[in-house]
Amino acid sequence: MLPKVPRSVTLPGGYHITVTRLNRNKANDEMGSEVYAQWDVDDHSILLRSERAGQNQREDFVHEMEHAFIDWKDWFLGKSEHYEG
């Protein structure tokens, strides 16, 4: 069995990422109707469409984690405008 998409992830250094599943109406309001998922570097959050279940939602999550990891790397190295240290 494949793992479920977590509700949150904490990377080294305490870089906490919140994962939120949005219903269709809320997702359309937050991301637009053509977007499956979104990474927000300002509040360290990933938004996912709840109607995209199973493998699609896992793929969306992994894609957004790739963006998050790039931003975490810059934050961890002190090269980010979002650095809070």
Protein backbone atom coordinates (compact mmCIF):
# COMPACT_ATOMS: atom_id res chain seq x y z
CA MET A 1 0.00 0.00 0.00
CA LEU A 2 1.27 3.45 -0.91
CA PRO A 3 1.61 6.08 1.82
CA LYS A 4 -1.08 8.69 2.34
CA VAL A 5 -0.41 12.35 1.72
CA PRO A 6 0.56 13.83 5.11
CA ARG A 7 -1.13 16.81 6.75
CA SER A 8 2.25 18.38 7.42
CA VAL A 9 5.97 17.89 6.84
CA THR A 10 8.90 19.26 8.84
CA LEU A 11 12.25 19.54 7.08
CA PRO A 12 15.59 19.99 8.90
CA GLY A 13 15.95 23.30 10.69
CA GLY A 14 12.28 23.34 11.64
CA TYR A 15 10.95 24.35 8.21
CA HIS A 16 7.33 23.32 8.73
CA ILE A 17 5.03 22.76 5.75
CA THR A 18 1.27 22.53 6.17
CA VAL A 19 -0.73 20.47 3.66
CA THR A 20 -4.37 21.44 3.18
CA ARG A 21 -6.99 19.69 1.09
CA LEU A 22 -9.62 22.06 -0.30
CA ASN A 23 -13.07 21.25 -1.62
CA ARG A 24 -13.80 22.29 -5.19
CA ASN A 25 -15.33 25.69 -4.39
CA LYS A 26 -12.59 26.69 -1.94
CA ALA A 27 -9.88 25.43 -4.33
CA ASN A 28 -11.37 27.48 -7.17
CA ASP A 29 -11.39 30.57 -4.92
CA GLU A 30 -7.82 30.04 -3.68
CA MET A 31 -6.08 28.68 -6.79
CA GLY A 32 -8.38 29.12 -9.78
CA SER A 33 -10.30 26.42 -11.57
CA GLU A 34 -7.41 25.13 -13.71
CA VAL A 35 -4.85 24.54 -10.93
CA TYR A 36 -4.56 21.12 -9.23
CA ALA A 37 -2.22 22.13 -6.40
CA GLN A 38 -0.16 25.07 -5.19
CA TRP A 39 2.91 25.79 -3.05
CA ASP A 40 2.92 29.06 -1.08
CA VAL A 41 6.42 30.00 0.08
CA ASP A 42 5.15 32.87 2.25
CA ASP A 43 3.18 30.66 4.64
CA HIS A 44 4.92 27.34 3.88
CA SER A 45 1.78 25.60 2.74
CA ILE A 46 0.69 23.21 0.03
CA LEU A 47 -2.90 23.38 -1.19
CA LEU A 48 -4.40 20.29 -2.81
CA ARG A 49 -7.78 19.65 -4.41
CA SER A 50 -9.66 17.11 -2.30
CA GLU A 51 -11.53 15.74 -5.34
CA ARG A 52 -8.21 14.53 -6.80
CA ALA A 53 -7.74 11.39 -4.78
CA GLY A 54 -5.30 8.52 -4.75
CA GLN A 55 -2.37 8.57 -7.13
CA ASN A 56 -3.26 11.96 -8.64
CA GLN A 57 -3.21 13.65 -5.25
CA ARG A 58 0.10 11.94 -4.35
CA GLU A 59 1.63 13.17 -7.62
CA ASP A 60 0.33 16.69 -6.98
CA PHE A 61 1.78 16.59 -3.46
CA VAL A 62 5.19 15.37 -4.65
CA HIS A 63 5.30 18.05 -7.36
CA GLU A 64 4.58 20.79 -4.81
CA MET A 65 7.14 19.30 -2.40
CA GLU A 66 9.74 19.73 -5.15
CA HIS A 67 8.99 23.46 -5.14
CA ALA A 68 9.02 23.49 -1.34
CA PHE A 69 12.36 21.68 -1.22
CA ILE A 70 13.98 24.27 -3.51
CA ASP A 71 12.72 27.08 -1.25
CA TRP A 72 13.77 25.15 1.88
CA LYS A 73 17.28 24.73 0.45
CA ASP A 74 17.64 28.49 -0.05
CA TRP A 75 16.16 29.15 3.41
CA PHE A 76 18.46 26.58 5.05
CA LEU A 77 21.52 28.13 3.40
CA GLY A 78 20.42 31.66 4.33
CA LYS A 79 19.98 32.68 0.70
CA SER A 80 16.25 33.33 0.79
CA GLU A 81 14.38 36.60 1.17
CA HIS A 82 12.02 34.49 3.29
CA TYR A 83 14.80 33.68 5.78
CA GLU A 84 13.63 34.25 9.34
CA GLY A 85 16.88 33.65 11.19
